[in-house]
PDB file of N, CA and C in Angstrom:
ATOM      1  N   MET A   1      16.031   1.586   7.971  1.00  0.00           N
ATOM      2  CA  MET A   1      16.310   1.015   9.405  1.00  0.00           C
ATOM      3  C   MET A   1      16.528   2.046  10.335  1.00  0.00           C
ATOM      4  N   ASP A   2      16.317   3.276   9.986  1.00  0.00           N
ATOM      5  CA  ASP A   2      16.602   4.416  10.959  1.00  0.00           C
ATOM      6  C   ASP A   2      15.174   4.693  11.690  1.00  0.00           C
ATOM      7  N   ASN A   3      14.193   4.042  11.506  1.00  0.00           N
ATOM      8  CA  ASN A   3      12.918   4.278  12.121  1.00  0.00           C
ATOM      9  C   ASN A   3      12.908   3.599  13.526  1.00  0.00           C
ATOM     10  N   PRO A   4      12.558   4.216  14.445  1.00  0.00           N
ATOM     11  CA  PRO A   4      12.738   3.673  15.889  1.00  0.00           C
ATOM     12  C   PRO A   4      11.813   2.387  15.993  1.00  0.00           C
ATOM     13  N   LEU A   5      10.771   2.222  15.255  1.00  0.00           N
ATOM     14  CA  LEU A   5       9.762   1.039  15.494  1.00  0.00           C
ATOM     15  C   LEU A   5      10.610  -0.088  14.993  1.00  0.00           C
ATOM     16  N   ILE A   6      11.388   0.046  13.985  1.00  0.00           N
ATOM     17  CA  ILE A   6      12.023  -1.367  13.506  1.00  0.00           C
ATOM     18  C   ILE A   6      13.559  -1.283  13.791  1.00  0.00           C
ATOM     19  N   GLY A   7      14.132  -0.089  14.200  1.00  0.00           N
ATOM     20  CA  GLY A   7      15.610   0.108  14.274  1.00  0.00           C
ATOM     21  C   GLY A   7      16.330  -1.092  15.169  1.00  0.00           C
ATOM     22  N   SER A   8      15.601  -1.679  16.182  1.00  0.00           N
ATOM     23  CA  SER A   8      16.243  -2.549  16.910  1.00  0.00           C
ATOM     24  C   SER A   8      15.972  -4.043  16.568  1.00  0.00           C
ATOM     25  N   THR A   9      15.317  -4.245  15.338  1.00  0.00           N
ATOM     26  CA  THR A   9      14.833  -5.598  14.907  1.00  0.00           C
ATOM     27  C   THR A   9      16.046  -5.805  13.817  1.00  0.00           C
ATOM     28  N   ARG A  10      16.633  -7.127  13.804  1.00  0.00           N
ATOM     29  CA  ARG A  10      17.729  -7.397  12.893  1.00  0.00           C
ATOM     30  C   ARG A  10      17.062  -7.525  11.684  1.00  0.00           C
ATOM     31  N   LEU A  11      17.896  -7.129  10.471  1.00  0.00           N
ATOM     32  CA  LEU A  11      17.528  -7.490   9.136  1.00  0.00           C
ATOM     33  C   LEU A  11      17.138  -8.665   8.822  1.00  0.00           C
ATOM     34  N   LEU A  12      17.851  -9.572   9.424  1.00  0.00           N
ATOM     35  CA  LEU A  12      17.910 -10.966   9.140  1.00  0.00           C
ATOM     36  C   LEU A  12      16.329 -11.586   9.512  1.00  0.00           C
ATOM     37  N   SER A  13      15.878 -11.032  10.752  1.00  0.00           N
ATOM     38  CA  SER A  13      14.518 -11.393  11.261  1.00  0.00           C
ATOM     39  C   SER A  13      13.542 -10.959  10.445  1.00  0.00           C
ATOM     40  N   ILE A  14      13.629  -9.685   9.984  1.00  0.00           N
ATOM     41  CA  ILE A  14      12.664  -8.954   8.972  1.00  0.00           C
ATOM     42  C   ILE A  14      12.672  -9.821   7.681  1.00  0.00           C
ATOM     43  N   ALA A  15      13.729 -10.147   7.006  1.00  0.00           N
ATOM     44  CA  ALA A  15      13.693 -10.913   5.943  1.00  0.00           C
ATOM     45  C   ALA A  15      13.198 -12.347   6.013  1.00  0.00           C
ATOM     46  N   GLU A  16      13.428 -13.009   7.138  1.00  0.00           N
ATOM     47  CA  GLU A  16      12.886 -14.334   7.300  1.00  0.00           C
ATOM     48  C   GLU A  16      11.362 -14.118   7.375  1.00  0.00           C
ATOM     49  N   VAL A  17      10.691 -13.139   7.915  1.00  0.00           N
ATOM     50  CA  VAL A  17       9.392 -13.047   8.095  1.00  0.00           C
ATOM     51  C   VAL A  17       8.760 -12.785   6.590  1.00  0.00           C
ATOM     52  N   PHE A  18       9.420 -12.038   6.066  1.00  0.00           N
ATOM     53  CA  PHE A  18       8.998 -11.717   4.651  1.00  0.00           C
ATOM     54  C   PHE A  18       9.084 -12.851   3.591  1.00  0.00           C
ATOM     55  N   PHE A  19      10.176 -13.581   3.606  1.00  0.00           N
ATOM     56  CA  PHE A  19      10.359 -14.756   2.996  1.00  0.00           C
ATOM     57  C   PHE A  19       9.259 -15.749   3.223  1.00  0.00           C
ATOM     58  N   ARG A  20       8.966 -15.966   4.459  1.00  0.00           N
ATOM     59  CA  ARG A  20       7.874 -16.998   4.762  1.00  0.00           C
ATOM     60  C   ARG A  20       6.607 -16.566   4.243  1.00  0.00           C
ATOM     61  N   ARG A  21       6.289 -15.383   4.048  1.00  0.00           N
ATOM     62  CA  ARG A  21       5.032 -14.766   3.482  1.00  0.00           C
ATOM     63  C   ARG A  21       5.162 -14.767   1.904  1.00  0.00           C
ATOM     64  N   GLY A  22       6.194 -15.252   1.424  1.00  0.00           N
ATOM     65  CA  GLY A  22       6.324 -15.220  -0.050  1.00  0.00           C
ATOM     66  C   GLY A  22       6.724 -13.983  -0.789  1.00  0.00           C
ATOM     67  N   VAL A  23       7.284 -13.219   0.022  1.00  0.00           N
ATOM     68  CA  VAL A  23       7.747 -11.931  -0.530  1.00  0.00           C
ATOM     69  C   VAL A  23       9.038 -12.181  -1.394  1.00  0.00           C
ATOM     70  N   LYS A  24       9.277 -11.745  -2.543  1.00  0.00           N
ATOM     71  CA  LYS A  24      10.397 -12.068  -3.281  1.00  0.00           C
ATOM     72  C   LYS A  24      11.421 -10.774  -3.429  1.00  0.00           C
ATOM     73  N   VAL A  25      10.961  -9.646  -3.062  1.00  0.00           N
ATOM     74  CA  VAL A  25      11.850  -8.587  -2.930  1.00  0.00           C
ATOM     75  C   VAL A  25      11.450  -7.622  -1.723  1.00  0.00           C
ATOM     76  N   LEU A  26      12.615  -7.385  -1.060  1.00  0.00           N
ATOM     77  CA  LEU A  26      12.573  -6.469   0.161  1.00  0.00           C
ATOM     78  C   LEU A  26      13.471  -5.312  -0.033  1.00  0.00           C
ATOM     79  N   VAL A  27      12.947  -4.150   0.061  1.00  0.00           N
ATOM     80  CA  VAL A  27      13.641  -2.700   0.029  1.00  0.00           C
ATOM     81  C   VAL A  27      13.907  -2.103   1.268  1.00  0.00           C
ATOM     82  N   VAL A  28      15.277  -1.946   1.533  1.00  0.00           N
ATOM     83  CA  VAL A  28      15.670  -1.322   2.922  1.00  0.00           C
ATOM     84  C   VAL A  28      16.341  -0.019   2.488  1.00  0.00           C
ATOM     85  N   ASP A  29      15.881   0.955   3.268  1.00  0.00           N
ATOM     86  CA  ASP A  29      16.485   2.197   3.145  1.00  0.00           C
ATOM     87  C   ASP A  29      17.359   2.537   4.379  1.00  0.00           C
ATOM     88  N   GLU A  30      18.397   3.222   4.317  1.00  0.00           N
ATOM     89  CA  GLU A  30      19.310   3.599   5.387  1.00  0.00           C
ATOM     90  C   GLU A  30      19.857   2.428   6.100  1.00  0.00           C
ATOM     91  N   ILE A  31      20.187   1.360   5.349  1.00  0.00           N
ATOM     92  CA  ILE A  31      20.740   0.052   5.898  1.00  0.00           C
ATOM     93  C   ILE A  31      21.868   0.326   6.987  1.00  0.00           C
ATOM     94  N   HIS A  32      22.623   1.359   6.646  1.00  0.00           N
ATOM     95  CA  HIS A  32      23.864   1.449   7.410  1.00  0.00           C
ATOM     96  C   HIS A  32      23.562   1.750   8.966  1.00  0.00           C
ATOM     97  N   TYR A  33      22.232   2.155   9.298  1.00  0.00           N
ATOM     98  CA  TYR A  33      21.849   2.276  10.747  1.00  0.00           C
ATOM     99  C   TYR A  33      21.871   0.961  11.433  1.00  0.00           C
ATOM    100  N   GLN A  34      21.687  -0.193  10.713  1.00  0.00           N
ATOM    101  CA  GLN A  34      21.756  -1.668  11.282  1.00  0.00           C
ATOM    102  C   GLN A  34      23.072  -1.967  11.558  1.00  0.00           C
ATOM    103  N   ARG A  35      23.317  -2.300  12.858  1.00  0.00           N
ATOM    104  CA  ARG A  35      24.715  -2.822  13.092  1.00  0.00           C
ATOM    105  C   ARG A  35      24.872  -4.097  12.502  1.00  0.00           C
ATOM    106  N   ASN A  36      25.973  -4.469  11.997  1.00  0.00           N
ATOM    107  CA  ASN A  36      26.337  -5.656  11.260  1.00  0.00           C
ATOM    108  C   ASN A  36      25.363  -6.063  10.222  1.00  0.00           C
ATOM    109  N   PHE A  37      25.057  -5.092   9.364  1.00  0.00           N
ATOM    110  CA  PHE A  37      24.119  -5.362   8.277  1.00  0.00           C
ATOM    111  C   PHE A  37      24.919  -6.177   7.305  1.00  0.00           C
ATOM    112  N   GLU A  38      26.210  -6.146   7.248  1.00  0.00           N
ATOM    113  CA  GLU A  38      26.737  -7.121   6.115  1.00  0.00           C
ATOM    114  C   GLU A  38      26.576  -8.427   6.334  1.00  0.00           C
ATOM    115  N   GLN A  39      26.621  -8.904   7.723  1.00  0.00           N
ATOM    116  CA  GLN A  39      26.516 -10.321   8.043  1.00  0.00           C
ATOM    117  C   GLN A  39      25.175 -10.828   7.767  1.00  0.00           C
ATOM    118  N   ASP A  40      24.095  -9.973   8.070  1.00  0.00           N
ATOM    119  CA  ASP A  40      22.731 -10.352   7.750  1.00  0.00           C
ATOM    120  C   ASP A  40      22.493 -10.429   6.319  1.00  0.00           C
ATOM    121  N   LEU A  41      22.973  -9.454   5.617  1.00  0.00           N
ATOM    122  CA  LEU A  41      22.879  -9.477   3.996  1.00  0.00           C
ATOM    123  C   LEU A  41      23.599 -10.876   3.465  1.00  0.00           C
ATOM    124  N   LYS A  42      24.822 -11.085   3.926  1.00  0.00           N
ATOM    125  CA  LYS A  42      25.217 -12.317   3.437  1.00  0.00           C
ATOM    126  C   LYS A  42      24.474 -13.584   3.775  1.00  0.00           C
ATOM    127  N   THR A  43      24.008 -13.753   5.080  1.00  0.00           N
ATOM    128  CA  THR A  43      23.079 -14.862   5.489  1.00  0.00           C
ATOM    129  C   THR A  43      21.717 -14.814   4.510  1.00  0.00           C
ATOM    130  N   ILE A  44      21.182 -13.728   4.340  1.00  0.00           N
ATOM    131  CA  ILE A  44      19.853 -13.701   3.406  1.00  0.00           C
ATOM    132  C   ILE A  44      20.306 -14.098   2.156  1.00  0.00           C
ATOM    133  N   TYR A  45      21.336 -13.805   1.703  1.00  0.00           N
ATOM    134  CA  TYR A  45      21.708 -13.885   0.273  1.00  0.00           C
ATOM    135  C   TYR A  45      21.871 -15.427  -0.102  1.00  0.00           C
ATOM    136  N   ASP A  46      22.636 -16.092   1.077  1.00  0.00           N
ATOM    137  CA  ASP A  46      22.919 -17.417   1.059  1.00  0.00           C
ATOM    138  C   ASP A  46      21.856 -18.308   1.341  1.00  0.00           C
ATOM    139  N   PHE A  47      20.933 -18.045   2.133  1.00  0.00           N
ATOM    140  CA  PHE A  47      19.802 -19.071   2.669  1.00  0.00           C
ATOM    141  C   PHE A  47      18.235 -18.613   2.175  1.00  0.00           C
ATOM    142  N   PHE A  48      17.985 -17.576   1.885  1.00  0.00           N
ATOM    143  CA  PHE A  48      16.657 -17.303   1.449  1.00  0.00           C
ATOM    144  C   PHE A  48      16.554 -16.894  -0.029  1.00  0.00           C
ATOM    145  N   ASP A  49      15.609 -17.123  -0.522  1.00  0.00           N
ATOM    146  CA  ASP A  49      15.166 -16.743  -2.015  1.00  0.00           C
ATOM    147  C   ASP A  49      14.624 -15.689  -2.069  1.00  0.00           C
ATOM    148  N   ILE A  50      15.260 -14.458  -1.641  1.00  0.00           N
ATOM    149  CA  ILE A  50      14.616 -13.303  -1.485  1.00  0.00           C
ATOM    150  C   ILE A  50      15.656 -12.164  -2.086  1.00  0.00           C
ATOM    151  N   GLN A  51      15.240 -11.220  -2.784  1.00  0.00           N
ATOM    152  CA  GLN A  51      16.185 -10.099  -3.325  1.00  0.00           C
ATOM    153  C   GLN A  51      16.181  -8.917  -2.342  1.00  0.00           C
ATOM    154  N   ILE A  52      17.261  -8.529  -1.996  1.00  0.00           N
ATOM    155  CA  ILE A  52      17.294  -7.199  -1.160  1.00  0.00           C
ATOM    156  C   ILE A  52      17.893  -6.055  -1.961  1.00  0.00           C
ATOM    157  N   ILE A  53      17.073  -5.101  -1.926  1.00  0.00           N
ATOM    158  CA  ILE A  53      17.544  -3.803  -2.566  1.00  0.00           C
ATOM    159  C   ILE A  53      17.747  -2.870  -1.389  1.00  0.00           C
ATOM    160  N   PHE A  54      18.893  -2.201  -1.285  1.00  0.00           N
ATOM    161  CA  PHE A  54      19.080  -1.477  -0.046  1.00  0.00           C
ATOM    162  C   PHE A  54      19.916  -0.218  -0.457  1.00  0.00           C
ATOM    163  N   SER A  55      19.579   0.785   0.385  1.00  0.00           N
ATOM    164  CA  SER A  55      20.275   2.069   0.058  1.00  0.00           C
ATOM    165  C   SER A  55      20.873   2.641   1.469  1.00  0.00           C
ATOM    166  N   GLY A  56      21.650   3.473   1.320  1.00  0.00           N
ATOM    167  CA  GLY A  56      22.233   4.296   2.526  1.00  0.00           C
ATOM    168  C   GLY A  56      22.967   5.441   2.265  1.00  0.00           C
ATOM    169  N   SER A  57      22.739   6.377   3.015  1.00  0.00           N
ATOM    170  CA  SER A  57      23.370   7.760   2.777  1.00  0.00           C
ATOM    171  C   SER A  57      24.763   7.891   3.296  1.00  0.00           C
ATOM    172  N   SER A  58      25.271   6.887   3.963  1.00  0.00           N
ATOM    173  CA  SER A  58      26.723   6.948   4.497  1.00  0.00           C
ATOM    174  C   SER A  58      27.617   6.040   3.495  1.00  0.00           C
ATOM    175  N   ALA A  59      28.205   6.689   2.586  1.00  0.00           N
ATOM    176  CA  ALA A  59      29.089   6.056   1.553  1.00  0.00           C
ATOM    177  C   ALA A  59      30.103   5.301   2.277  1.00  0.00           C
ATOM    178  N   ILE A  60      30.669   5.879   3.246  1.00  0.00           N
ATOM    179  CA  ILE A  60      31.806   5.314   3.932  1.00  0.00           C
ATOM    180  C   ILE A  60      31.457   3.953   4.586  1.00  0.00           C
ATOM    181  N   ALA A  61      30.364   3.860   5.295  1.00  0.00           N
ATOM    182  CA  ALA A  61      29.799   2.612   5.916  1.00  0.00           C
ATOM    183  C   ALA A  61      29.429   1.514   4.842  1.00  0.00           C
ATOM    184  N   LEU A  62      28.842   1.987   3.717  1.00  0.00           N
ATOM    185  CA  LEU A  62      28.582   1.011   2.672  1.00  0.00           C
ATOM    186  C   LEU A  62      29.894   0.427   1.996  1.00  0.00           C
ATOM    187  N   SER A  63      30.905   1.405   1.738  1.00  0.00           N
ATOM    188  CA  SER A  63      32.057   1.070   0.950  1.00  0.00           C
ATOM    189  C   SER A  63      32.896   0.021   1.831  1.00  0.00           C
ATOM    190  N   GLN A  64      32.781   0.119   3.062  1.00  0.00           N
ATOM    191  CA  GLN A  64      33.717  -0.624   3.833  1.00  0.00           C
ATOM    192  C   GLN A  64      33.055  -1.964   4.208  1.00  0.00           C
ATOM    193  N   ALA A  65      31.943  -2.254   3.899  1.00  0.00           N
ATOM    194  CA  ALA A  65      31.073  -3.552   3.919  1.00  0.00           C
ATOM    195  C   ALA A  65      31.755  -4.649   3.061  1.00  0.00           C
ATOM    196  N   ASP A  66      32.044  -5.738   3.499  1.00  0.00           N
ATOM    197  CA  ASP A  66      32.548  -6.994   2.711  1.00  0.00           C
ATOM    198  C   ASP A  66      31.320  -7.670   2.217  1.00  0.00           C
ATOM    199  N   LEU A  67      30.945  -7.415   0.955  1.00  0.00           N
ATOM    200  CA  LEU A  67      29.860  -8.041   0.446  1.00  0.00           C
ATOM    201  C   LEU A  67      30.223  -8.734  -0.944  1.00  0.00           C
ATOM    202  N   SER A  68      31.558  -9.182  -0.926  1.00  0.00           N
ATOM    203  CA  SER A  68      31.931  -9.607  -2.283  1.00  0.00           C
ATOM    204  C   SER A  68      31.226 -10.692  -2.728  1.00  0.00           C
ATOM    205  N   ARG A  69      31.020 -10.765  -4.084  1.00  0.00           N
ATOM    206  CA  ARG A  69      30.242 -11.744  -4.950  1.00  0.00           C
ATOM    207  C   ARG A  69      28.816 -11.733  -4.667  1.00  0.00           C
ATOM    208  N   ARG A  70      28.391 -10.903  -3.738  1.00  0.00           N
ATOM    209  CA  ARG A  70      26.864 -10.956  -3.443  1.00  0.00           C
ATOM    210  C   ARG A  70      26.088  -9.629  -3.917  1.00  0.00           C
ATOM    211  N   VAL A  71      26.853  -8.644  -4.153  1.00  0.00           N
ATOM    212  CA  VAL A  71      26.203  -7.394  -4.359  1.00  0.00           C
ATOM    213  C   VAL A  71      26.622  -6.647  -5.539  1.00  0.00           C
ATOM    214  N   LEU A  72      25.608  -6.073  -6.256  1.00  0.00           N
ATOM    215  CA  LEU A  72      26.002  -5.196  -7.356  1.00  0.00           C
ATOM    216  C   LEU A  72      25.727  -3.681  -6.865  1.00  0.00           C
ATOM    217  N   VAL A  73      26.757  -2.817  -6.937  1.00  0.00           N
ATOM    218  CA  VAL A  73      26.608  -1.518  -6.325  1.00  0.00           C
ATOM    219  C   VAL A  73      26.521  -0.563  -7.497  1.00  0.00           C
ATOM    220  N   TYR A  74      25.549   0.388  -7.325  1.00  0.00           N
ATOM    221  CA  TYR A  74      25.119   1.456  -8.212  1.00  0.00           C
ATOM    222  C   TYR A  74      25.415   2.726  -7.351  1.00  0.00           C
ATOM    223  N   THR A  75      26.227   3.679  -7.861  1.00  0.00           N
ATOM    224  CA  THR A  75      26.279   5.002  -7.147  1.00  0.00           C
ATOM    225  C   THR A  75      25.414   6.082  -7.788  1.00  0.00           C
ATOM    226  N   VAL A  76      24.430   6.547  -6.989  1.00  0.00           N
ATOM    227  CA  VAL A  76      23.408   7.375  -7.548  1.00  0.00           C
ATOM    228  C   VAL A  76      23.977   8.742  -7.116  1.00  0.00           C
ATOM    229  N   PRO A  77      24.071   9.716  -8.034  1.00  0.00           N
ATOM    230  CA  PRO A  77      24.334  11.144  -7.784  1.00  0.00           C
ATOM    231  C   PRO A  77      23.379  11.747  -6.833  1.00  0.00           C
ATOM    232  N   ILE A  78      23.728  12.858  -6.225  1.00  0.00           N
ATOM    233  CA  ILE A  78      22.969  13.586  -5.245  1.00  0.00           C
ATOM    234  C   ILE A  78      21.777  14.074  -5.972  1.00  0.00           C
ATOM    235  N   LEU A  79      20.543  13.824  -5.440  1.00  0.00           N
ATOM    236  CA  LEU A  79      19.211  14.230  -6.024  1.00  0.00           C
ATOM    237  C   LEU A  79      18.994  15.620  -5.651  1.00  0.00           C
ATOM    238  N   SER A  80      18.230  16.436  -6.411  1.00  0.00           N
ATOM    239  CA  SER A  80      17.967  17.792  -6.234  1.00  0.00           C
ATOM    240  C   SER A  80      16.555  18.027  -6.704  1.00  0.00           C
ATOM    241  N   PHE A  81      15.696  18.713  -5.987  1.00  0.00           N
ATOM    242  CA  PHE A  81      14.372  18.987  -6.315  1.00  0.00           C
ATOM    243  C   PHE A  81      14.375  20.483  -6.965  1.00  0.00           C
ATOM    244  N   ALA A  82      15.620  21.174  -6.870  1.00  0.00           N
ATOM    245  CA  ALA A  82      15.568  22.533  -7.445  1.00  0.00           C
ATOM    246  C   ALA A  82      15.413  22.794  -8.746  1.00  0.00           C
TER     247      ALA A  82
END
């Protein structure tokens, strides 16, 4: 969501287009860049038959999101290529 080409497009709109095309899984990186991503995730979960896998590098933004009963959270340790 940090790409300037799609950063201004709501996640809900993106998910709706993908859902109508029959996509079952949508993967979103850097979700915390999207304003009010929590509301969009809740709506997608409640109204579309599509699974969202998302990541973000801002642990604070993600930990403050109210996504109760809708999200399984996995903490991934810092990756290193060294």
